[in-house]
Amino acid sequence: MEAEKTIDRYLFNSALENHAVMGLSAQIGRLSEQSMEGKHTSDSDILKKEYLGNVLYYAAEMCIAHNWSMEDLAEESLKKYRQFIF
């Protein structure tokens, strides 16, 4: 019975990770297209913000699949960002 739970959890996590990766790919593509158009209107900024929010959604989904802390991920990313910017 315990092995069955482990297999079910593995399959669930695998499917969740696949969904997250596909979602990330799609949203990054949309964000890239919107940015490459070079428009800086309020409508395009709203879309960019929406797509970026969707990227965070799928990043959270990936964290859930791997039992990672979204907060830890964000802190590590900000550390990297600060090293390059400041």
N, C-alpha and C. Protein backbone atom coordinates (compact mmCIF):
# COMPACT_ATOMS: atom_id res chain seq x y z
N MET A 1 0.83 -1.20 0.00
CA MET A 1 0.00 0.00 0.00
C MET A 1 0.87 1.27 0.00
N GLU A 2 1.94 1.27 0.78
CA GLU A 2 2.82 2.44 0.83
C GLU A 2 3.51 2.66 -0.51
N ALA A 3 3.92 1.58 -1.17
CA ALA A 3 4.56 1.70 -2.48
C ALA A 3 3.59 2.30 -3.49
N GLU A 4 2.34 1.93 -3.38
CA GLU A 4 1.32 2.47 -4.28
C GLU A 4 1.20 3.98 -4.10
N LYS A 5 1.23 4.45 -2.86
CA LYS A 5 1.16 5.88 -2.59
C LYS A 5 2.38 6.60 -3.16
N THR A 6 3.54 5.98 -3.03
CA THR A 6 4.78 6.57 -3.55
C THR A 6 4.71 6.68 -5.07
N ILE A 7 4.24 5.63 -5.72
CA ILE A 7 4.12 5.65 -7.19
C ILE A 7 3.11 6.70 -7.61
N ASP A 8 1.96 6.74 -6.93
CA ASP A 8 0.95 7.74 -7.26
C ASP A 8 1.51 9.16 -7.09
N ARG A 9 2.23 9.38 -6.00
CA ARG A 9 2.80 10.71 -5.74
C ARG A 9 3.84 11.06 -6.81
N TYR A 10 4.66 10.07 -7.18
CA TYR A 10 5.66 10.29 -8.22
C TYR A 10 5.00 10.66 -9.54
N LEU A 11 3.97 9.92 -9.93
CA LEU A 11 3.28 10.20 -11.18
C LEU A 11 2.61 11.56 -11.14
N PHE A 12 2.02 11.89 -9.99
CA PHE A 12 1.39 13.20 -9.83
C PHE A 12 2.43 14.31 -9.97
N ASN A 13 3.58 14.17 -9.27
CA ASN A 13 4.63 15.18 -9.34
C ASN A 13 5.19 15.30 -10.75
N SER A 14 5.35 14.17 -11.41
CA SER A 14 5.86 14.18 -12.78
C SER A 14 4.91 14.91 -13.71
N ALA A 15 3.62 14.63 -13.59
CA ALA A 15 2.62 15.30 -14.42
C ALA A 15 2.56 16.79 -14.09
N LEU A 16 2.68 17.11 -12.80
CA LEU A 16 2.66 18.52 -12.38
C LEU A 16 3.87 19.26 -12.93
N GLU A 17 5.04 18.62 -12.88
CA GLU A 17 6.23 19.24 -13.42
C GLU A 17 6.09 19.46 -14.92
N ASN A 18 5.59 18.46 -15.64
CA ASN A 18 5.39 18.60 -17.09
C ASN A 18 4.45 19.75 -17.40
N HIS A 19 3.38 19.85 -16.63
CA HIS A 19 2.42 20.94 -16.83
C HIS A 19 3.09 22.28 -16.57
N ALA A 20 3.89 22.35 -15.52
CA ALA A 20 4.58 23.60 -15.18
C ALA A 20 5.56 24.01 -16.28
N VAL A 21 6.30 23.05 -16.79
CA VAL A 21 7.27 23.34 -17.84
C VAL A 21 6.58 23.84 -19.11
N MET A 22 5.50 23.18 -19.48
CA MET A 22 4.77 23.61 -20.67
C MET A 22 4.17 25.00 -20.47
N GLY A 23 3.63 25.22 -19.29
CA GLY A 23 3.05 26.53 -18.99
C GLY A 23 4.11 27.63 -18.99
N LEU A 24 5.27 27.33 -18.38
CA LEU A 24 6.36 28.30 -18.37
C LEU A 24 6.80 28.64 -19.80
N SER A 25 6.93 27.61 -20.61
CA SER A 25 7.35 27.82 -22.00
C SER A 25 6.37 28.72 -22.74
N ALA A 26 5.10 28.44 -22.59
CA ALA A 26 4.08 29.22 -23.27
C ALA A 26 4.07 30.67 -22.80
N GLN A 27 4.12 30.88 -21.50
CA GLN A 27 4.03 32.23 -20.97
C GLN A 27 5.29 33.04 -21.27
N ILE A 28 6.46 32.40 -21.22
CA ILE A 28 7.69 33.09 -21.58
C ILE A 28 7.65 33.49 -23.06
N GLY A 29 7.10 32.60 -23.89
CA GLY A 29 6.96 32.92 -25.31
C GLY A 29 6.06 34.12 -25.52
N ARG A 30 4.95 34.16 -24.82
CA ARG A 30 4.02 35.29 -24.96
C ARG A 30 4.66 36.59 -24.46
N LEU A 31 5.35 36.49 -23.33
CA LEU A 31 6.02 37.67 -22.77
C LEU A 31 7.10 38.16 -23.73
N SER A 32 7.83 37.24 -24.31
CA SER A 32 8.88 37.59 -25.28
C SER A 32 8.28 38.27 -26.51
N GLU A 33 7.22 37.71 -27.04
CA GLU A 33 6.57 38.31 -28.21
C GLU A 33 6.10 39.73 -27.90
N GLN A 34 5.50 39.90 -26.75
CA GLN A 34 4.98 41.21 -26.36
C GLN A 34 6.12 42.21 -26.20
N SER A 35 7.22 41.78 -25.62
CA SER A 35 8.37 42.67 -25.42
C SER A 35 9.06 42.99 -26.73
N MET A 36 9.16 42.01 -27.61
CA MET A 36 9.85 42.21 -28.88
C MET A 36 9.09 43.17 -29.80
N GLU A 37 7.80 43.30 -29.61
CA GLU A 37 7.02 44.24 -30.41
C GLU A 37 7.42 45.67 -30.10
N GLY A 38 8.00 45.88 -28.93
CA GLY A 38 8.49 47.20 -28.57
C GLY A 38 7.42 48.19 -28.17
N LYS A 39 6.22 47.72 -27.97
CA LYS A 39 5.14 48.62 -27.59
C LYS A 39 5.23 48.90 -26.09
N HIS A 40 4.99 50.15 -25.74
CA HIS A 40 4.97 50.52 -24.33
C HIS A 40 3.69 51.29 -24.03
N THR A 41 2.59 50.67 -24.37
CA THR A 41 1.29 51.26 -24.07
C THR A 41 0.77 50.64 -22.78
N SER A 42 -0.26 51.23 -22.24
CA SER A 42 -0.82 50.67 -21.01
C SER A 42 -1.38 49.27 -21.26
N ASP A 43 -1.95 49.04 -22.45
CA ASP A 43 -2.47 47.71 -22.78
C ASP A 43 -1.36 46.67 -22.84
N SER A 44 -0.23 47.02 -23.48
CA SER A 44 0.87 46.06 -23.59
C SER A 44 1.50 45.81 -22.22
N ASP A 45 1.55 46.85 -21.38
CA ASP A 45 2.09 46.66 -20.03
C ASP A 45 1.18 45.77 -19.19
N ILE A 46 -0.12 45.89 -19.38
CA ILE A 46 -1.07 45.03 -18.68
C ILE A 46 -0.86 43.58 -19.09
N LEU A 47 -0.68 43.35 -20.39
CA LEU A 47 -0.43 41.99 -20.87
C LEU A 47 0.88 41.44 -20.33
N LYS A 48 1.94 42.25 -20.35
CA LYS A 48 3.23 41.81 -19.82
C LYS A 48 3.10 41.42 -18.35
N LYS A 49 2.39 42.23 -17.59
CA LYS A 49 2.20 41.95 -16.17
C LYS A 49 1.40 40.65 -15.99
N GLU A 50 0.40 40.45 -16.82
CA GLU A 50 -0.40 39.23 -16.75
C GLU A 50 0.46 38.00 -17.07
N TYR A 51 1.25 38.09 -18.13
CA TYR A 51 2.10 36.96 -18.52
C TYR A 51 3.15 36.69 -17.45
N LEU A 52 3.72 37.73 -16.87
CA LEU A 52 4.70 37.55 -15.82
C LEU A 52 4.06 36.91 -14.59
N GLY A 53 2.85 37.30 -14.27
CA GLY A 53 2.11 36.66 -13.18
C GLY A 53 1.88 35.19 -13.46
N ASN A 54 1.58 34.86 -14.72
CA ASN A 54 1.40 33.46 -15.09
C ASN A 54 2.70 32.67 -14.97
N VAL A 55 3.83 33.32 -15.29
CA VAL A 55 5.13 32.68 -15.10
C VAL A 55 5.32 32.32 -13.63
N LEU A 56 4.96 33.24 -12.75
CA LEU A 56 5.08 32.96 -11.31
C LEU A 56 4.16 31.81 -10.89
N TYR A 57 2.98 31.76 -11.47
CA TYR A 57 2.05 30.66 -11.18
C TYR A 57 2.69 29.32 -11.51
N TYR A 58 3.27 29.24 -12.72
CA TYR A 58 3.87 27.97 -13.14
C TYR A 58 5.16 27.67 -12.37
N ALA A 59 5.88 28.71 -11.96
CA ALA A 59 7.05 28.50 -11.11
C ALA A 59 6.62 27.92 -9.76
N ALA A 60 5.52 28.43 -9.24
CA ALA A 60 4.98 27.89 -7.98
C ALA A 60 4.56 26.44 -8.15
N GLU A 61 3.97 26.13 -9.28
CA GLU A 61 3.56 24.76 -9.57
C GLU A 61 4.78 23.83 -9.59
N MET A 62 5.88 24.29 -10.18
CA MET A 62 7.11 23.51 -10.22
C MET A 62 7.64 23.31 -8.80
N CYS A 63 7.56 24.34 -7.99
CA CYS A 63 8.00 24.22 -6.59
C CYS A 63 7.17 23.19 -5.84
N ILE A 64 5.88 23.18 -6.07
CA ILE A 64 5.01 22.20 -5.42
C ILE A 64 5.38 20.79 -5.86
N ALA A 65 5.66 20.61 -7.14
CA ALA A 65 6.02 19.29 -7.66
C ALA A 65 7.28 18.74 -7.01
N HIS A 66 8.18 19.65 -6.62
CA HIS A 66 9.46 19.23 -6.05
C HIS A 66 9.57 19.48 -4.55
N ASN A 67 8.50 19.97 -3.95
CA ASN A 67 8.50 20.29 -2.52
C ASN A 67 9.58 21.33 -2.19
N TRP A 68 9.72 22.32 -3.07
CA TRP A 68 10.64 23.42 -2.87
C TRP A 68 9.87 24.60 -2.30
N SER A 69 10.57 25.44 -1.61
CA SER A 69 9.98 26.66 -1.07
C SER A 69 10.05 27.77 -2.11
N MET A 70 8.92 28.31 -2.46
CA MET A 70 8.89 29.43 -3.41
C MET A 70 9.63 30.63 -2.82
N GLU A 71 9.51 30.81 -1.53
CA GLU A 71 10.19 31.91 -0.85
C GLU A 71 11.71 31.76 -0.97
N ASP A 72 12.21 30.55 -0.74
CA ASP A 72 13.66 30.30 -0.88
C ASP A 72 14.12 30.55 -2.30
N LEU A 73 13.33 30.11 -3.25
CA LEU A 73 13.65 30.31 -4.66
C LEU A 73 13.73 31.81 -4.98
N ALA A 74 12.77 32.56 -4.49
CA ALA A 74 12.74 34.00 -4.73
C ALA A 74 13.94 34.69 -4.08
N GLU A 75 14.27 34.30 -2.86
CA GLU A 75 15.42 34.89 -2.17
C GLU A 75 16.72 34.62 -2.92
N GLU A 76 16.91 33.40 -3.38
CA GLU A 76 18.11 33.05 -4.14
C GLU A 76 18.18 33.84 -5.45
N SER A 77 17.05 33.99 -6.10
CA SER A 77 17.01 34.75 -7.35
C SER A 77 17.34 36.22 -7.11
N LEU A 78 16.83 36.78 -6.03
CA LEU A 78 17.13 38.18 -5.71
C LEU A 78 18.60 38.37 -5.37
N LYS A 79 19.20 37.40 -4.69
CA LYS A 79 20.64 37.47 -4.40
C LYS A 79 21.44 37.53 -5.69
N LYS A 80 21.10 36.66 -6.63
CA LYS A 80 21.79 36.66 -7.93
C LYS A 80 21.59 37.99 -8.65
N TYR A 81 20.38 38.48 -8.64
CA TYR A 81 20.06 39.73 -9.31
C TYR A 81 20.88 40.88 -8.72
N ARG A 82 20.95 40.95 -7.40
CA ARG A 82 21.69 42.02 -6.73
C ARG A 82 23.17 41.94 -7.03
N GLN A 83 23.72 40.77 -7.22
CA GLN A 83 25.14 40.64 -7.54
C GLN A 83 25.44 41.25 -8.90
N PHE A 84 24.55 41.14 -9.83
CA PHE A 84 24.78 41.66 -11.17
C PHE A 84 24.43 43.14 -11.30
N ILE A 85 23.51 43.60 -10.50
CA ILE A 85 23.03 44.98 -10.64
C ILE A 85 23.85 45.96 -9.79
N PHE A 86 24.19 45.55 -8.59
CA PHE A 86 24.85 46.50 -7.67
C PHE A 86 26.32 46.24 -7.57
